PDB file of N, CA and C in Angstrom:
ATOM      1  N   MET A   1      58.988  72.380 -31.949  1.00  0.00           N
ATOM      2  CA  MET A   1      60.447  72.371 -31.096  1.00  0.00           C
ATOM      3  C   MET A   1      59.700  73.774 -30.430  1.00  0.00           C
ATOM      4  N   PHE A   2      59.118  74.581 -30.123  1.00  0.00           N
ATOM      5  CA  PHE A   2      59.114  75.637 -29.024  1.00  0.00           C
ATOM      6  C   PHE A   2      58.345  75.025 -28.076  1.00  0.00           C
ATOM      7  N   GLN A   3      57.385  74.445 -27.839  1.00  0.00           N
ATOM      8  CA  GLN A   3      56.819  73.505 -27.026  1.00  0.00           C
ATOM      9  C   GLN A   3      57.475  72.467 -26.327  1.00  0.00           C
ATOM     10  N   LYS A   4      58.756  71.937 -26.566  1.00  0.00           N
ATOM     11  CA  LYS A   4      59.438  71.141 -25.773  1.00  0.00           C
ATOM     12  C   LYS A   4      60.807  72.208 -25.437  1.00  0.00           C
ATOM     13  N   ARG A   5      60.812  73.176 -25.939  1.00  0.00           N
ATOM     14  CA  ARG A   5      61.730  74.034 -25.400  1.00  0.00           C
ATOM     15  C   ARG A   5      61.223  74.634 -23.811  1.00  0.00           C
ATOM     16  N   ARG A   6      59.813  74.955 -24.181  1.00  0.00           N
ATOM     17  CA  ARG A   6      59.045  75.606 -22.859  1.00  0.00           C
ATOM     18  C   ARG A   6      58.996  74.522 -21.861  1.00  0.00           C
ATOM     19  N   GLU A   7      58.494  73.171 -21.965  1.00  0.00           N
ATOM     20  CA  GLU A   7      58.635  71.950 -21.331  1.00  0.00           C
ATOM     21  C   GLU A   7      60.093  71.689 -20.354  1.00  0.00           C
ATOM     22  N   TYR A   8      61.169  71.981 -21.301  1.00  0.00           N
ATOM     23  CA  TYR A   8      62.256  71.718 -20.747  1.00  0.00           C
ATOM     24  C   TYR A   8      62.533  72.885 -19.321  1.00  0.00           C
ATOM     25  N   ILE A   9      62.213  73.861 -19.992  1.00  0.00           N
ATOM     26  CA  ILE A   9      62.744  74.862 -18.880  1.00  0.00           C
ATOM     27  C   ILE A   9      61.480  74.962 -17.845  1.00  0.00           C
ATOM     28  N   ALA A  10      60.794  74.791 -18.053  1.00  0.00           N
ATOM     29  CA  ALA A  10      59.614  74.400 -17.185  1.00  0.00           C
ATOM     30  C   ALA A  10      60.180  73.349 -15.896  1.00  0.00           C
ATOM     31  N   ALA A  11      60.556  72.639 -16.823  1.00  0.00           N
ATOM     32  CA  ALA A  11      61.081  71.266 -15.528  1.00  0.00           C
ATOM     33  C   ALA A  11      62.851  72.180 -14.811  1.00  0.00           C
ATOM     34  N   PHE A  12      62.718  72.444 -15.707  1.00  0.00           N
ATOM     35  CA  PHE A  12      64.530  73.088 -14.875  1.00  0.00           C
ATOM     36  C   PHE A  12      63.497  74.046 -13.707  1.00  0.00           C
ATOM     37  N   LEU A  13      62.869  74.903 -13.883  1.00  0.00           N
ATOM     38  CA  LEU A  13      62.309  75.666 -12.961  1.00  0.00           C
ATOM     39  C   LEU A  13      61.795  74.619 -11.713  1.00  0.00           C
ATOM     40  N   GLY A  14      61.373  73.760 -12.107  1.00  0.00           N
ATOM     41  CA  GLY A  14      60.973  72.819 -10.856  1.00  0.00           C
ATOM     42  C   GLY A  14      61.685  72.231 -10.185  1.00  0.00           C
ATOM     43  N   ALA A  15      62.788  71.761 -10.762  1.00  0.00           N
ATOM     44  CA  ALA A  15      63.584  71.238 -10.453  1.00  0.00           C
ATOM     45  C   ALA A  15      64.908  71.863  -9.291  1.00  0.00           C
ATOM     46  N   PHE A  16      65.302  73.388  -9.863  1.00  0.00           N
ATOM     47  CA  PHE A  16      65.945  74.309  -9.379  1.00  0.00           C
ATOM     48  C   PHE A  16      65.786  74.939  -8.697  1.00  0.00           C
ATOM     49  N   GLY A  17      64.570  75.213  -8.510  1.00  0.00           N
ATOM     50  CA  GLY A  17      64.032  76.338  -7.907  1.00  0.00           C
ATOM     51  C   GLY A  17      64.185  77.599  -8.157  1.00  0.00           C
ATOM     52  N   SER A  18      65.090  78.027  -6.365  1.00  0.00           N
ATOM     53  CA  SER A  18      65.660  79.288  -6.598  1.00  0.00           C
ATOM     54  C   SER A  18      66.904  79.509  -6.623  1.00  0.00           C
ATOM     55  N   SER A  19      67.196  78.496  -7.695  1.00  0.00           N
ATOM     56  CA  SER A  19      68.777  78.392  -8.054  1.00  0.00           C
ATOM     57  C   SER A  19      68.564  79.184  -9.343  1.00  0.00           C
ATOM     58  N   ILE A  20      67.482  79.712  -9.771  1.00  0.00           N
ATOM     59  CA  ILE A  20      67.231  79.624 -11.275  1.00  0.00           C
ATOM     60  C   ILE A  20      67.490  81.524 -11.552  1.00  0.00           C
ATOM     61  N   LEU A  21      68.610  81.791 -11.943  1.00  0.00           N
ATOM     62  CA  LEU A  21      68.584  83.971 -12.011  1.00  0.00           C
ATOM     63  C   LEU A  21      67.993  84.236 -13.073  1.00  0.00           C
ATOM     64  N   GLU A  22      67.944  83.504 -14.039  1.00  0.00           N
ATOM     65  CA  GLU A  22      67.245  83.965 -15.171  1.00  0.00           C
ATOM     66  C   GLU A  22      66.901  83.028 -16.540  1.00  0.00           C
ATOM     67  N   TYR A  23      65.579  83.036 -17.099  1.00  0.00           N
ATOM     68  CA  TYR A  23      65.322  82.644 -18.176  1.00  0.00           C
ATOM     69  C   TYR A  23      64.140  83.377 -19.411  1.00  0.00           C
ATOM     70  N   ASP A  24      64.353  82.976 -20.492  1.00  0.00           N
ATOM     71  CA  ASP A  24      63.736  83.073 -21.367  1.00  0.00           C
ATOM     72  C   ASP A  24      62.312  82.730 -21.491  1.00  0.00           C
ATOM     73  N   THR A  25      61.032  84.188 -21.349  1.00  0.00           N
ATOM     74  CA  THR A  25      60.273  83.695 -21.181  1.00  0.00           C
ATOM     75  C   THR A  25      59.414  84.094 -22.424  1.00  0.00           C
ATOM     76  N   GLU A  26      60.063  84.043 -23.611  1.00  0.00           N
ATOM     77  CA  GLU A  26      59.692  84.382 -25.042  1.00  0.00           C
ATOM     78  C   GLU A  26      60.141  83.449 -26.534  1.00  0.00           C
ATOM     79  N   GLY A  27      60.723  82.758 -26.135  1.00  0.00           N
ATOM     80  CA  GLY A  27      61.539  81.827 -26.994  1.00  0.00           C
ATOM     81  C   GLY A  27      62.041  80.723 -26.373  1.00  0.00           C
ATOM     82  N   TYR A  28      61.871  80.576 -25.043  1.00  0.00           N
ATOM     83  CA  TYR A  28      62.988  79.348 -24.087  1.00  0.00           C
ATOM     84  C   TYR A  28      64.029  79.171 -24.885  1.00  0.00           C
ATOM     85  N   MET A  29      65.000  79.905 -25.125  1.00  0.00           N
ATOM     86  CA  MET A  29      66.049  79.388 -25.539  1.00  0.00           C
ATOM     87  C   MET A  29      67.403  79.460 -24.660  1.00  0.00           C
ATOM     88  N   LYS A  30      67.321  80.594 -23.295  1.00  0.00           N
ATOM     89  CA  LYS A  30      68.520  79.894 -22.596  1.00  0.00           C
ATOM     90  C   LYS A  30      67.240  80.344 -21.140  1.00  0.00           C
ATOM     91  N   LEU A  31      68.727  79.897 -19.928  1.00  0.00           N
ATOM     92  CA  LEU A  31      68.232  79.741 -18.853  1.00  0.00           C
ATOM     93  C   LEU A  31      69.629  80.218 -18.120  1.00  0.00           C
ATOM     94  N   SER A  32      69.619  80.526 -17.204  1.00  0.00           N
ATOM     95  CA  SER A  32      70.425  80.649 -16.316  1.00  0.00           C
ATOM     96  C   SER A  32      70.257  80.388 -14.917  1.00  0.00           C
ATOM     97  N   LEU A  33      71.070  79.707 -14.098  1.00  0.00           N
ATOM     98  CA  LEU A  33      71.057  79.406 -12.518  1.00  0.00           C
ATOM     99  C   LEU A  33      72.352  79.195 -12.200  1.00  0.00           C
ATOM    100  N   LEU A  34      72.331  79.143 -10.808  1.00  0.00           N
ATOM    101  CA  LEU A  34      73.684  79.448  -9.576  1.00  0.00           C
ATOM    102  C   LEU A  34      73.251  78.093  -9.191  1.00  0.00           C
ATOM    103  N   PHE A  35      74.857  77.315  -9.461  1.00  0.00           N
ATOM    104  CA  PHE A  35      74.759  75.912  -9.295  1.00  0.00           C
ATOM    105  C   PHE A  35      75.800  75.883  -8.168  1.00  0.00           C
ATOM    106  N   GLN A  36      75.810  75.020  -7.208  1.00  0.00           N
ATOM    107  CA  GLN A  36      77.293  75.438  -6.325  1.00  0.00           C
ATOM    108  C   GLN A  36      77.096  73.401  -6.019  1.00  0.00           C
ATOM    109  N   VAL A  37      79.045  73.140  -6.135  1.00  0.00           N
ATOM    110  CA  VAL A  37      78.677  71.462  -5.426  1.00  0.00           C
ATOM    111  C   VAL A  37      80.229  71.914  -4.407  1.00  0.00           C
ATOM    112  N   GLN A  38      80.228  70.988  -3.355  1.00  0.00           N
ATOM    113  CA  GLN A  38      81.168  71.272  -2.646  1.00  0.00           C
ATOM    114  C   GLN A  38      81.699  72.759  -2.673  1.00  0.00           C
ATOM    115  N   GLY A  39      81.196  73.491  -2.549  1.00  0.00           N
ATOM    116  CA  GLY A  39      81.342  75.189  -2.150  1.00  0.00           C
ATOM    117  C   GLY A  39      82.026  75.635  -3.131  1.00  0.00           C
ATOM    118  N   PHE A  40      82.170  74.853  -4.411  1.00  0.00           N
ATOM    119  CA  PHE A  40      82.367  75.783  -5.543  1.00  0.00           C
ATOM    120  C   PHE A  40      81.106  76.543  -6.654  1.00  0.00           C
ATOM    121  N   ARG A  41      80.782  77.957  -6.808  1.00  0.00           N
ATOM    122  CA  ARG A  41      79.905  78.009  -7.396  1.00  0.00           C
ATOM    123  C   ARG A  41      79.732  78.598  -9.006  1.00  0.00           C
ATOM    124  N   CYS A  42      79.035  77.984  -9.215  1.00  0.00           N
ATOM    125  CA  CYS A  42      79.119  78.306 -11.102  1.00  0.00           C
ATOM    126  C   CYS A  42      77.386  78.852 -11.351  1.00  0.00           C
ATOM    127  N   ILE A  43      77.707  79.819 -12.179  1.00  0.00           N
ATOM    128  CA  ILE A  43      76.364  80.301 -13.046  1.00  0.00           C
ATOM    129  C   ILE A  43      76.495  79.041 -14.244  1.00  0.00           C
ATOM    130  N   VAL A  44      75.270  78.606 -14.406  1.00  0.00           N
ATOM    131  CA  VAL A  44      75.378  77.658 -15.633  1.00  0.00           C
ATOM    132  C   VAL A  44      74.238  78.164 -16.489  1.00  0.00           C
ATOM    133  N   HIS A  45      75.241  78.437 -17.714  1.00  0.00           N
ATOM    134  CA  HIS A  45      73.789  78.772 -18.915  1.00  0.00           C
ATOM    135  C   HIS A  45      72.960  77.671 -19.750  1.00  0.00           C
ATOM    136  N   VAL A  46      72.128  77.477 -19.515  1.00  0.00           N
ATOM    137  CA  VAL A  46      71.183  76.502 -20.447  1.00  0.00           C
ATOM    138  C   VAL A  46      71.084  77.354 -21.768  1.00  0.00           C
ATOM    139  N   GLU A  47      71.972  76.660 -23.212  1.00  0.00           N
ATOM    140  CA  GLU A  47      71.619  77.315 -24.319  1.00  0.00           C
ATOM    141  C   GLU A  47      70.579  76.112 -25.146  1.00  0.00           C
ATOM    142  N   LEU A  48      69.522  76.482 -25.686  1.00  0.00           N
ATOM    143  CA  LEU A  48      68.623  75.379 -26.008  1.00  0.00           C
ATOM    144  C   LEU A  48      68.740  76.376 -27.590  1.00  0.00           C
ATOM    145  N   ASP A  49      68.582  75.308 -29.043  1.00  0.00           N
ATOM    146  CA  ASP A  49      68.558  75.671 -30.009  1.00  0.00           C
ATOM    147  C   ASP A  49      67.740  75.089 -30.717  1.00  0.00           C
ATOM    148  N   LYS A  50      67.180  76.406 -31.927  1.00  0.00           N
ATOM    149  CA  LYS A  50      65.564  76.370 -32.407  1.00  0.00           C
ATOM    150  C   LYS A  50      65.482  74.827 -32.546  1.00  0.00           C
ATOM    151  N   ASN A  51      66.337  73.951 -32.723  1.00  0.00           N
ATOM    152  CA  ASN A  51      66.254  72.287 -33.032  1.00  0.00           C
ATOM    153  C   ASN A  51      66.186  71.718 -31.999  1.00  0.00           C
ATOM    154  N   PHE A  52      66.194  72.257 -30.660  1.00  0.00           N
ATOM    155  CA  PHE A  52      65.722  71.543 -29.436  1.00  0.00           C
ATOM    156  C   PHE A  52      64.952  70.291 -29.568  1.00  0.00           C
ATOM    157  N   PRO A  53      65.622  69.449 -29.365  1.00  0.00           N
ATOM    158  CA  PRO A  53      66.530  68.252 -28.876  1.00  0.00           C
ATOM    159  C   PRO A  53      67.455  67.864 -29.119  1.00  0.00           C
ATOM    160  N   GLN A  54      67.700  68.463 -30.180  1.00  0.00           N
ATOM    161  CA  GLN A  54      68.501  68.199 -31.097  1.00  0.00           C
ATOM    162  C   GLN A  54      69.957  68.391 -30.933  1.00  0.00           C
ATOM    163  N   GLU A  55      70.000  69.921 -30.683  1.00  0.00           N
ATOM    164  CA  GLU A  55      71.213  71.060 -30.073  1.00  0.00           C
ATOM    165  C   GLU A  55      70.783  71.844 -28.634  1.00  0.00           C
ATOM    166  N   SER A  56      71.802  71.434 -28.159  1.00  0.00           N
ATOM    167  CA  SER A  56      71.721  72.216 -26.784  1.00  0.00           C
ATOM    168  C   SER A  56      72.721  72.583 -25.748  1.00  0.00           C
ATOM    169  N   ALA A  57      73.265  73.180 -25.276  1.00  0.00           N
ATOM    170  CA  ALA A  57      74.568  73.358 -24.401  1.00  0.00           C
ATOM    171  C   ALA A  57      74.365  73.606 -23.117  1.00  0.00           C
ATOM    172  N   LEU A  58      75.311  73.479 -22.202  1.00  0.00           N
ATOM    173  CA  LEU A  58      75.014  73.428 -20.826  1.00  0.00           C
ATOM    174  C   LEU A  58      76.459  74.255 -21.010  1.00  0.00           C
ATOM    175  N   ILE A  59      76.745  75.690 -20.175  1.00  0.00           N
ATOM    176  CA  ILE A  59      77.893  76.490 -20.417  1.00  0.00           C
ATOM    177  C   ILE A  59      78.302  76.852 -18.686  1.00  0.00           C
ATOM    178  N   LEU A  60      79.660  76.311 -18.179  1.00  0.00           N
ATOM    179  CA  LEU A  60      79.818  76.261 -16.652  1.00  0.00           C
ATOM    180  C   LEU A  60      80.940  77.638 -16.544  1.00  0.00           C
ATOM    181  N   PRO A  61      80.407  78.752 -16.471  1.00  0.00           N
ATOM    182  CA  PRO A  61      81.770  79.706 -15.747  1.00  0.00           C
ATOM    183  C   PRO A  61      81.486  79.639 -14.412  1.00  0.00           C
ATOM    184  N   SER A  62      82.823  80.129 -13.872  1.00  0.00           N
ATOM    185  CA  SER A  62      82.777  80.428 -12.735  1.00  0.00           C
ATOM    186  C   SER A  62      82.924  81.344 -12.191  1.00  0.00           C
ATOM    187  N   VAL A  63      82.073  81.442 -10.663  1.00  0.00           N
ATOM    188  CA  VAL A  63      81.516  82.969 -10.650  1.00  0.00           C
ATOM    189  C   VAL A  63      82.965  83.019  -9.351  1.00  0.00           C
ATOM    190  N   ASP A  64      83.522  82.189  -8.495  1.00  0.00           N
ATOM    191  CA  ASP A  64      84.692  82.574  -7.908  1.00  0.00           C
ATOM    192  C   ASP A  64      86.003  82.756  -8.574  1.00  0.00           C
ATOM    193  N   LEU A  65      86.092  82.886  -9.698  1.00  0.00           N
ATOM    194  CA  LEU A  65      87.360  83.856 -10.531  1.00  0.00           C
ATOM    195  C   LEU A  65      87.019  84.869 -10.787  1.00  0.00           C
ATOM    196  N   PRO A  66      88.178  85.383 -11.049  1.00  0.00           N
ATOM    197  CA  PRO A  66      88.140  87.066 -11.845  1.00  0.00           C
ATOM    198  C   PRO A  66      87.549  86.471 -13.431  1.00  0.00           C
ATOM    199  N   ARG A  67      86.448  87.475 -13.704  1.00  0.00           N
ATOM    200  CA  ARG A  67      85.785  86.965 -14.957  1.00  0.00           C
ATOM    201  C   ARG A  67      86.969  87.000 -16.418  1.00  0.00           C
ATOM    202  N   GLU A  68      88.166  87.876 -16.662  1.00  0.00           N
ATOM    203  CA  GLU A  68      89.315  87.810 -17.352  1.00  0.00           C
ATOM    204  C   GLU A  68      89.811  86.302 -17.396  1.00  0.00           C
ATOM    205  N   LYS A  69      89.772  85.736 -16.086  1.00  0.00           N
ATOM    206  CA  LYS A  69      90.288  84.507 -15.921  1.00  0.00           C
ATOM    207  C   LYS A  69      89.822  83.328 -15.901  1.00  0.00           C
ATOM    208  N   GLN A  70      88.490  83.464 -16.431  1.00  0.00           N
ATOM    209  CA  GLN A  70      87.301  82.208 -16.444  1.00  0.00           C
ATOM    210  C   GLN A  70      87.690  81.232 -17.414  1.00  0.00           C
ATOM    211  N   PRO A  71      88.102  80.323 -16.879  1.00  0.00           N
ATOM    212  CA  PRO A  71      87.783  78.954 -17.813  1.00  0.00           C
ATOM    213  C   PRO A  71      85.990  78.883 -17.842  1.00  0.00           C
ATOM    214  N   THR A  72      85.629  78.194 -19.109  1.00  0.00           N
ATOM    215  CA  THR A  72      84.428  77.666 -19.108  1.00  0.00           C
ATOM    216  C   THR A  72      84.757  76.238 -19.629  1.00  0.00           C
ATOM    217  N   ILE A  73      83.627  75.448 -19.332  1.00  0.00           N
ATOM    218  CA  ILE A  73      83.099  73.758 -19.872  1.00  0.00           C
ATOM    219  C   ILE A  73      81.836  74.202 -20.794  1.00  0.00           C
ATOM    220  N   ARG A  74      81.890  73.575 -21.773  1.00  0.00           N
ATOM    221  CA  ARG A  74      80.873  73.708 -23.154  1.00  0.00           C
ATOM    222  C   ARG A  74      80.477  71.973 -22.826  1.00  0.00           C
ATOM    223  N   GLU A  75      79.169  71.479 -22.597  1.00  0.00           N
ATOM    224  CA  GLU A  75      78.839  70.244 -23.042  1.00  0.00           C
ATOM    225  C   GLU A  75      77.440  70.249 -24.039  1.00  0.00           C
ATOM    226  N   THR A  76      77.444  69.320 -24.711  1.00  0.00           N
ATOM    227  CA  THR A  76      76.369  69.472 -25.547  1.00  0.00           C
ATOM    228  C   THR A  76      75.575  68.555 -25.745  1.00  0.00           C
ATOM    229  N   ARG A  77      74.957  68.366 -26.704  1.00  0.00           N
ATOM    230  CA  ARG A  77      73.597  67.694 -26.605  1.00  0.00           C
ATOM    231  C   ARG A  77      74.166  66.260 -26.080  1.00  0.00           C
ATOM    232  N   GLY A  78      75.075  65.701 -27.244  1.00  0.00           N
ATOM    233  CA  GLY A  78      75.553  64.548 -27.137  1.00  0.00           C
ATOM    234  C   GLY A  78      75.930  64.056 -25.884  1.00  0.00           C
ATOM    235  N   ARG A  79      76.837  64.720 -24.989  1.00  0.00           N
ATOM    236  CA  ARG A  79      77.194  63.976 -24.102  1.00  0.00           C
ATOM    237  C   ARG A  79      76.085  64.445 -22.659  1.00  0.00           C
ATOM    238  N   LEU A  80      74.887  65.261 -22.873  1.00  0.00           N
ATOM    239  CA  LEU A  80      74.017  65.114 -22.008  1.00  0.00           C
ATOM    240  C   LEU A  80      72.948  64.010 -21.881  1.00  0.00           C
ATOM    241  N   SER A  81      72.584  63.327 -23.655  1.00  0.00           N
ATOM    242  CA  SER A  81      71.892  62.643 -23.672  1.00  0.00           C
ATOM    243  C   SER A  81      70.585  63.096 -24.009  1.00  0.00           C
ATOM    244  N   ILE A  82      70.289  64.006 -24.719  1.00  0.00           N
ATOM    245  CA  ILE A  82      68.776  64.262 -24.549  1.00  0.00           C
ATOM    246  C   ILE A  82      68.004  63.682 -25.731  1.00  0.00           C
ATOM    247  N   GLN A  83      67.062  63.080 -25.204  1.00  0.00           N
ATOM    248  CA  GLN A  83      65.963  62.217 -26.547  1.00  0.00           C
ATOM    249  C   GLN A  83      64.847  63.409 -26.582  1.00  0.00           C
ATOM    250  N   PRO A  84      64.478  63.221 -27.694  1.00  0.00           N
ATOM    251  CA  PRO A  84      63.549  63.452 -28.599  1.00  0.00           C
ATOM    252  C   PRO A  84      61.454  63.251 -27.815  1.00  0.00           C
ATOM    253  N   GLU A  85      61.680  62.676 -27.430  1.00  0.00           N
ATOM    254  CA  GLU A  85      60.851  62.051 -26.515  1.00  0.00           C
ATOM    255  C   GLU A  85      60.526  61.365 -24.932  1.00  0.00           C
ATOM    256  N   VAL A  86      60.994  62.728 -24.497  1.00  0.00           N
ATOM    257  CA  VAL A  86      61.146  61.978 -22.883  1.00  0.00           C
ATOM    258  C   VAL A  86      60.553  62.898 -21.772  1.00  0.00           C
ATOM    259  N   ASP A  87      60.676  62.465 -20.418  1.00  0.00           N
ATOM    260  CA  ASP A  87      59.812  63.116 -19.329  1.00  0.00           C
ATOM    261  C   ASP A  87      60.646  64.175 -18.697  1.00  0.00           C
ATOM    262  N   TRP A  88      60.308  65.722 -18.931  1.00  0.00           N
ATOM    263  CA  TRP A  88      61.246  66.667 -18.947  1.00  0.00           C
ATOM    264  C   TRP A  88      61.920  66.669 -17.460  1.00  0.00           C
ATOM    265  N   ASP A  89      61.102  66.048 -16.655  1.00  0.00           N
ATOM    266  CA  ASP A  89      61.432  66.372 -15.244  1.00  0.00           C
ATOM    267  C   ASP A  89      62.726  65.748 -14.993  1.00  0.00           C
ATOM    268  N   VAL A  90      62.780  64.186 -15.751  1.00  0.00           N
ATOM    269  CA  VAL A  90      63.434  63.172 -15.970  1.00  0.00           C
ATOM    270  C   VAL A  90      64.915  64.266 -15.936  1.00  0.00           C
ATOM    271  N   MET A  91      64.757  64.233 -17.563  1.00  0.00           N
ATOM    272  CA  MET A  91      65.734  65.716 -18.317  1.00  0.00           C
ATOM    273  C   MET A  91      66.710  66.193 -17.091  1.00  0.00           C
ATOM    274  N   ALA A  92      65.475  67.133 -16.604  1.00  0.00           N
ATOM    275  CA  ALA A  92      65.694  67.923 -15.535  1.00  0.00           C
ATOM    276  C   ALA A  92      66.694  67.711 -14.624  1.00  0.00           C
ATOM    277  N   GLU A  93      66.733  66.564 -14.284  1.00  0.00           N
ATOM    278  CA  GLU A  93      67.679  65.507 -13.080  1.00  0.00           C
ATOM    279  C   GLU A  93      68.665  64.885 -13.284  1.00  0.00           C
ATOM    280  N   ARG A  94      68.723  65.028 -14.427  1.00  0.00           N
ATOM    281  CA  ARG A  94      70.157  64.154 -15.280  1.00  0.00           C
ATOM    282  C   ARG A  94      71.331  65.266 -15.593  1.00  0.00           C
ATOM    283  N   ALA A  95      69.895  66.582 -15.899  1.00  0.00           N
ATOM    284  CA  ALA A  95      71.082  68.210 -15.855  1.00  0.00           C
ATOM    285  C   ALA A  95      71.950  68.074 -14.488  1.00  0.00           C
ATOM    286  N   ARG A  96      70.783  67.966 -13.665  1.00  0.00           N
ATOM    287  CA  ARG A  96      71.518  68.194 -11.955  1.00  0.00           C
ATOM    288  C   ARG A  96      72.558  67.013 -11.521  1.00  0.00           C
ATOM    289  N   VAL A  97      72.321  65.539 -12.141  1.00  0.00           N
ATOM    290  CA  VAL A  97      73.511  64.725 -11.861  1.00  0.00           C
ATOM    291  C   VAL A  97      74.659  65.285 -12.644  1.00  0.00           C
ATOM    292  N   PHE A  98      74.506  65.568 -13.996  1.00  0.00           N
ATOM    293  CA  PHE A  98      75.595  65.384 -15.057  1.00  0.00           C
ATOM    294  C   PHE A  98      76.391  66.796 -14.115  1.00  0.00           C
ATOM    295  N   LEU A  99      76.001  68.341 -13.911  1.00  0.00           N
ATOM    296  CA  LEU A  99      76.380  69.114 -13.259  1.00  0.00           C
ATOM    297  C   LEU A  99      77.187  68.346 -12.075  1.00  0.00           C
ATOM    298  N   THR A 100      76.827  68.132 -11.076  1.00  0.00           N
ATOM    299  CA  THR A 100      77.178  67.816  -9.783  1.00  0.00           C
ATOM    300  C   THR A 100      78.645  66.561 -10.101  1.00  0.00           C
ATOM    301  N   GLU A 101      78.705  66.235 -11.083  1.00  0.00           N
ATOM    302  CA  GLU A 101      79.570  65.389 -11.581  1.00  0.00           C
ATOM    303  C   GLU A 101      80.230  66.099 -12.217  1.00  0.00           C
ATOM    304  N   LYS A 102      80.396  67.069 -13.182  1.00  0.00           N
ATOM    305  CA  LYS A 102      81.342  67.463 -13.438  1.00  0.00           C
ATOM    306  C   LYS A 102      81.530  68.467 -13.222  1.00  0.00           C
ATOM    307  N   ILE A 103      81.297  69.544 -11.779  1.00  0.00           N
ATOM    308  CA  ILE A 103      81.693  70.558 -11.261  1.00  0.00           C
ATOM    309  C   ILE A 103      82.503  70.508 -10.705  1.00  0.00           C
ATOM    310  N   PRO A 104      82.646  69.195  -9.734  1.00  0.00           N
ATOM    311  CA  PRO A 104      84.437  69.048  -9.026  1.00  0.00           C
ATOM    312  C   PRO A 104      85.480  68.896  -9.827  1.00  0.00           C
ATOM    313  N   ALA A 105      85.306  68.227 -11.323  1.00  0.00           N
ATOM    314  CA  ALA A 105      86.333  68.601 -12.345  1.00  0.00           C
ATOM    315  C   ALA A 105      86.908  69.492 -12.869  1.00  0.00           C
ATOM    316  N   PHE A 106      85.302  70.327 -12.771  1.00  0.00           N
ATOM    317  CA  PHE A 106      85.852  72.043 -13.451  1.00  0.00           C
ATOM    318  C   PHE A 106      86.601  72.461 -12.370  1.00  0.00           C
ATOM    319  N   LYS A 107      86.240  72.815 -10.824  1.00  0.00           N
ATOM    320  CA  LYS A 107      86.927  73.689  -9.985  1.00  0.00           C
ATOM    321  C   LYS A 107      88.076  73.486  -9.562  1.00  0.00           C
ATOM    322  N   GLU A 108      88.708  71.979  -9.827  1.00  0.00           N
ATOM    323  CA  GLU A 108      90.259  71.636  -9.969  1.00  0.00           C
ATOM    324  C   GLU A 108      90.791  72.175 -10.874  1.00  0.00           C
ATOM    325  N   SER A 109      90.516  72.245 -12.462  1.00  0.00           N
ATOM    326  CA  SER A 109      90.961  72.672 -13.200  1.00  0.00           C
ATOM    327  C   SER A 109      91.049  74.398 -13.234  1.00  0.00           C
ATOM    328  N   SER A 110      90.076  74.704 -12.801  1.00  0.00           N
ATOM    329  CA  SER A 110      89.960  76.286 -12.335  1.00  0.00           C
ATOM    330  C   SER A 110      90.386  77.112 -11.468  1.00  0.00           C
ATOM    331  N   LEU A 111      90.941  76.170 -10.899  1.00  0.00           N
ATOM    332  CA  LEU A 111      91.927  76.765  -9.245  1.00  0.00           C
ATOM    333  C   LEU A 111      93.663  76.283  -9.824  1.00  0.00           C
ATOM    334  N   ASN A 112      93.354  74.774 -10.605  1.00  0.00           N
ATOM    335  CA  ASN A 112      95.070  74.800 -10.956  1.00  0.00           C
ATOM    336  C   ASN A 112      95.222  75.609 -11.628  1.00  0.00           C
ATOM    337  N   GLU A 113      94.699  76.315 -12.840  1.00  0.00           N
ATOM    338  CA  GLU A 113      94.917  77.411 -14.203  1.00  0.00           C
ATOM    339  C   GLU A 113      95.474  78.735 -13.154  1.00  0.00           C
ATOM    340  N   HIS A 114      95.032  78.684 -12.064  1.00  0.00           N
ATOM    341  CA  HIS A 114      95.149  80.101 -11.735  1.00  0.00           C
ATOM    342  C   HIS A 114      96.086  80.433 -10.659  1.00  0.00           C
ATOM    343  N   ARG A 115      96.551  79.164 -10.187  1.00  0.00           N
ATOM    344  CA  ARG A 115      97.266  79.122  -8.763  1.00  0.00           C
ATOM    345  C   ARG A 115      99.242  79.899  -8.967  1.00  0.00           C
TER     346      ARG A 115
END
């Protein structure tokens, strides 16, 4: 599982490059990146469970709203379709597509909640 987490984090590093804010270099359990869609920025936290790829999550808090008023979206493995035997570069690209599709709705709900 350690090797799979490390490969997945490495794929994110390749796919998201300068958007990576930080990542866990010891257990390869977490990664944070700054993602922007349509001018809306989110820090995306990727959390990988010890049982990865069976358990993982993407967490999206907005950086455009005050911290105490931030809604979050948490998407788990089932919605991300992470498969045990997969090309990790393909999985990182799937995460990019997933985020590109989900962030506009997250933006709208975030802004509506604070109007």
